[in-house]
Amino acid sequence: MVRLNRIYTRTGDMGTTGLVDGSRAAKDSPRLIAIGEVDEANSAIGVAIVALGDHPLAADLTRIQNDLFDLGADIATPGDDFAPSAMTLRIVGAQVERLERELDAMNDALSPLTSFILPGGTQAAAATHLARAIVRRAERAAVTASHDVPINPLVLAYLNRLSDYLFVAARFINKDAGGDILWVPGASR
């Protein structure tokens, strides 16, 4: 259980932060950049949830926000043993598979794409598209971190699948609000 009595600790004032095992890392290290990008993605999903209101996808996105906290903890845990334990949060295959099942169910309700689409439509869909783009950035940062430190391969799979999920979710949200906004190549020449 997490208990925070005080938000600031002053331990990071010299540009380092604590990892799960108690070691410290520079705040601009690839590992910490990836964690920050995941945090930003989680915040963007929060904006999409607010825009969705009582839409059924809001509950799914809230669950995904919890997954992203697990994912951040996974990245913040040094070592190359990616097995979860009572004291170690790790992303597991079932979390990736759940995203795939939900993504496939939404996609089955949509018409096949015949064009690239512009990220927009309803406010909720636009917020979901923005979250998708930020998740892609988080994925790139996690890949970069994996060149320096061991990163759970399921972290990379989860982020990759999540961006696909958010793309399809934005289309699903727009389905009942006029559909996708199609890209028209060269339209403004």
Protein backbone atom coordinates (compact mmCIF):
# COMPACT_ATOMS: atom_id res chain seq x y z
CA MET A 1 0.00 0.00 0.00
CA VAL A 2 1.20 3.48 -0.84
CA ARG A 3 1.08 6.13 1.85
CA LEU A 4 2.31 9.64 1.13
CA ASN A 5 2.26 12.02 4.05
CA ARG A 6 4.48 14.56 2.37
CA ILE A 7 4.83 15.10 -1.38
CA TYR A 8 8.27 16.66 -1.47
CA THR A 9 11.28 14.85 -0.06
CA ARG A 10 14.17 17.00 -1.33
CA THR A 11 15.98 13.77 -2.30
CA GLY A 12 15.68 14.67 -5.99
CA ASP A 13 17.03 18.19 -5.70
CA MET A 14 20.38 17.15 -7.18
CA GLY A 15 18.81 15.66 -10.32
CA THR A 16 18.36 12.03 -9.32
CA THR A 17 15.38 9.97 -8.34
CA GLY A 18 14.90 6.69 -6.52
CA LEU A 19 14.17 3.43 -8.30
CA VAL A 20 12.15 0.55 -6.89
CA ASP A 21 15.22 -1.23 -5.49
CA GLY A 22 16.42 1.91 -3.67
CA SER A 23 19.13 2.78 -6.18
CA ARG A 24 19.13 6.22 -7.76
CA ALA A 25 19.14 7.29 -11.40
CA ALA A 26 19.59 10.62 -13.13
CA LYS A 27 16.28 12.25 -13.96
CA ASP A 28 17.40 12.62 -17.57
CA SER A 29 18.44 8.97 -17.96
CA PRO A 30 16.65 7.01 -20.69
CA ARG A 31 14.86 4.95 -18.01
CA LEU A 32 13.46 8.05 -16.30
CA ILE A 33 12.55 9.70 -19.59
CA ALA A 34 10.52 6.59 -20.47
CA ILE A 35 8.78 6.69 -17.08
CA GLY A 36 7.95 10.36 -17.61
CA GLU A 37 6.54 9.70 -21.07
CA VAL A 38 4.35 6.92 -19.65
CA ASP A 39 3.13 9.35 -16.98
CA GLU A 40 2.26 11.91 -19.66
CA ALA A 41 0.41 9.24 -21.65
CA ASN A 42 -1.52 8.28 -18.53
CA SER A 43 -2.47 11.92 -17.98
CA ALA A 44 -3.62 12.26 -21.60
CA ILE A 45 -5.80 9.17 -21.15
CA GLY A 46 -7.28 10.92 -18.12
CA VAL A 47 -8.27 13.84 -20.36
CA ALA A 48 -9.90 11.38 -22.78
CA ILE A 49 -11.83 9.80 -19.90
CA VAL A 50 -13.22 13.19 -18.87
CA ALA A 51 -14.23 13.90 -22.48
CA LEU A 52 -15.95 10.49 -22.72
CA GLY A 53 -18.26 11.15 -19.78
CA ASP A 54 -20.40 8.08 -19.21
CA HIS A 55 -19.32 6.29 -22.41
CA PRO A 56 -18.53 2.61 -21.68
CA LEU A 57 -14.93 3.08 -22.86
CA ALA A 58 -14.26 5.38 -19.88
CA ALA A 59 -14.17 2.40 -17.50
CA ASP A 60 -11.82 0.50 -19.84
CA LEU A 61 -9.49 3.49 -20.04
CA THR A 62 -9.49 3.81 -16.25
CA ARG A 63 -8.34 0.20 -16.02
CA ILE A 64 -5.65 1.01 -18.58
CA GLN A 65 -4.52 3.93 -16.41
CA ASN A 66 -3.97 1.45 -13.58
CA ASP A 67 -2.01 -0.78 -15.97
CA LEU A 68 0.18 2.20 -16.86
CA PHE A 69 1.05 2.72 -13.19
CA ASP A 70 2.08 -0.95 -13.10
CA LEU A 71 4.04 -0.41 -16.31
CA GLY A 72 5.85 2.61 -14.85
CA ALA A 73 6.77 0.57 -11.79
CA ASP A 74 8.02 -2.18 -14.11
CA ILE A 75 10.33 0.25 -15.93
CA ALA A 76 11.50 1.64 -12.56
CA THR A 77 12.52 -1.84 -11.36
CA PRO A 78 16.16 -2.59 -12.23
CA GLY A 79 17.19 -6.09 -13.23
CA ASP A 80 16.44 -8.63 -15.89
CA ASP A 81 14.08 -10.92 -13.97
CA PHE A 82 10.71 -9.89 -15.37
CA ALA A 83 8.63 -12.36 -13.36
CA PRO A 84 6.05 -10.62 -11.18
CA SER A 85 6.01 -11.30 -7.46
CA ALA A 86 4.21 -10.06 -4.37
CA MET A 87 6.74 -7.23 -4.15
CA THR A 88 7.49 -6.65 -7.84
CA LEU A 89 5.01 -5.24 -10.35
CA ARG A 90 5.59 -6.47 -13.86
CA ILE A 91 3.45 -6.26 -16.98
CA VAL A 92 2.28 -9.76 -17.88
CA GLY A 93 1.05 -11.33 -21.09
CA ALA A 94 -2.57 -11.36 -19.92
CA GLN A 95 -2.59 -7.55 -19.86
CA VAL A 96 -1.42 -7.38 -23.48
CA GLU A 97 -3.88 -10.10 -24.51
CA ARG A 98 -6.78 -8.23 -22.88
CA LEU A 99 -5.93 -5.13 -24.92
CA GLU A 100 -5.90 -7.27 -28.06
CA ARG A 101 -9.31 -8.82 -27.30
CA GLU A 102 -10.90 -5.43 -26.58
CA LEU A 103 -9.24 -3.86 -29.61
CA ASP A 104 -10.51 -6.67 -31.85
CA ALA A 105 -14.05 -6.34 -30.47
CA MET A 106 -14.12 -2.60 -31.19
CA ASN A 107 -12.55 -3.05 -34.61
CA ASP A 108 -15.14 -5.70 -35.56
CA ALA A 109 -17.84 -3.01 -35.15
CA LEU A 110 -16.08 -0.65 -37.58
CA SER A 111 -15.93 -0.42 -41.35
CA PRO A 112 -12.54 -1.26 -42.83
CA LEU A 113 -10.27 1.72 -43.42
CA THR A 114 -10.10 2.95 -46.99
CA SER A 115 -7.92 5.98 -46.25
CA PHE A 116 -5.70 7.38 -43.55
CA ILE A 117 -7.74 9.39 -41.09
CA LEU A 118 -7.20 12.74 -39.47
CA PRO A 119 -7.05 12.75 -35.67
CA GLY A 120 -10.25 14.52 -34.73
CA GLY A 121 -13.99 14.13 -34.78
CA THR A 122 -15.62 14.46 -31.40
CA GLN A 123 -13.82 16.00 -28.44
CA ALA A 124 -13.50 12.55 -26.88
CA ALA A 125 -12.09 11.02 -30.07
CA ALA A 126 -9.62 13.89 -30.51
CA ALA A 127 -8.45 13.45 -26.90
CA THR A 128 -8.07 9.71 -27.52
CA HIS A 129 -6.03 10.36 -30.68
CA LEU A 130 -3.78 12.71 -28.70
CA ALA A 131 -3.33 10.04 -26.03
CA ARG A 132 -2.42 7.57 -28.81
CA ALA A 133 0.30 9.86 -30.13
CA ILE A 134 1.72 10.34 -26.63
CA VAL A 135 1.68 6.56 -26.04
CA ARG A 136 3.70 6.17 -29.26
CA ARG A 137 6.26 8.62 -27.82
CA ALA A 138 6.33 6.64 -24.58
CA GLU A 139 6.93 3.49 -26.59
CA ARG A 140 9.85 5.11 -28.43
CA ALA A 141 11.31 6.25 -25.09
CA ALA A 142 10.97 2.73 -23.65
CA VAL A 143 12.74 1.29 -26.70
CA THR A 144 15.54 3.83 -26.24
CA ALA A 145 15.81 2.89 -22.55
CA SER A 146 16.01 -0.79 -23.51
CA HIS A 147 19.31 -0.07 -25.24
CA ASP A 148 20.80 1.00 -21.88
CA VAL A 149 19.02 -1.11 -19.26
CA PRO A 150 16.96 -4.31 -19.32
CA ILE A 151 13.29 -3.49 -20.02
CA ASN A 152 10.57 -6.12 -19.78
CA PRO A 153 9.68 -7.03 -23.40
CA LEU A 154 6.01 -7.06 -22.36
CA VAL A 155 6.31 -3.35 -21.51
CA LEU A 156 7.17 -2.70 -25.15
CA ALA A 157 4.38 -5.00 -26.37
CA TYR A 158 1.84 -3.34 -24.06
CA LEU A 159 2.72 0.17 -25.24
CA ASN A 160 2.64 -0.92 -28.87
CA ARG A 161 -0.74 -2.56 -28.45
CA LEU A 162 -2.08 0.36 -26.42
CA SER A 163 -1.41 2.83 -29.20
CA ASP A 164 -3.28 0.53 -31.61
CA TYR A 165 -6.08 0.22 -29.05
CA LEU A 166 -6.39 4.00 -28.73
CA PHE A 167 -6.45 4.43 -32.52
CA VAL A 168 -9.32 1.97 -32.83
CA ALA A 169 -11.03 3.45 -29.75
CA ALA A 170 -11.00 6.91 -31.35
CA ARG A 171 -12.58 5.45 -34.49
CA PHE A 172 -15.11 3.59 -32.32
CA ILE A 173 -16.02 6.83 -30.52
CA ASN A 174 -16.49 8.65 -33.84
CA LYS A 175 -18.56 5.82 -35.34
CA ASP A 176 -21.83 7.17 -33.94
CA ALA A 177 -20.87 10.80 -34.46
CA GLY A 178 -20.42 10.96 -38.21
CA GLY A 179 -17.50 8.59 -38.62
CA ASP A 180 -13.84 9.13 -39.38
CA ILE A 181 -12.44 12.31 -40.87
CA LEU A 182 -10.62 11.06 -43.95
CA TRP A 183 -7.30 12.39 -45.16
CA VAL A 184 -7.58 13.89 -48.63
CA PRO A 185 -4.11 13.75 -50.16
CA GLY A 186 -3.08 17.04 -51.72
CA ALA A 187 -6.38 18.71 -50.82
CA SER A 188 -4.85 22.09 -50.09
CA ARG A 189 -2.44 22.39 -53.01
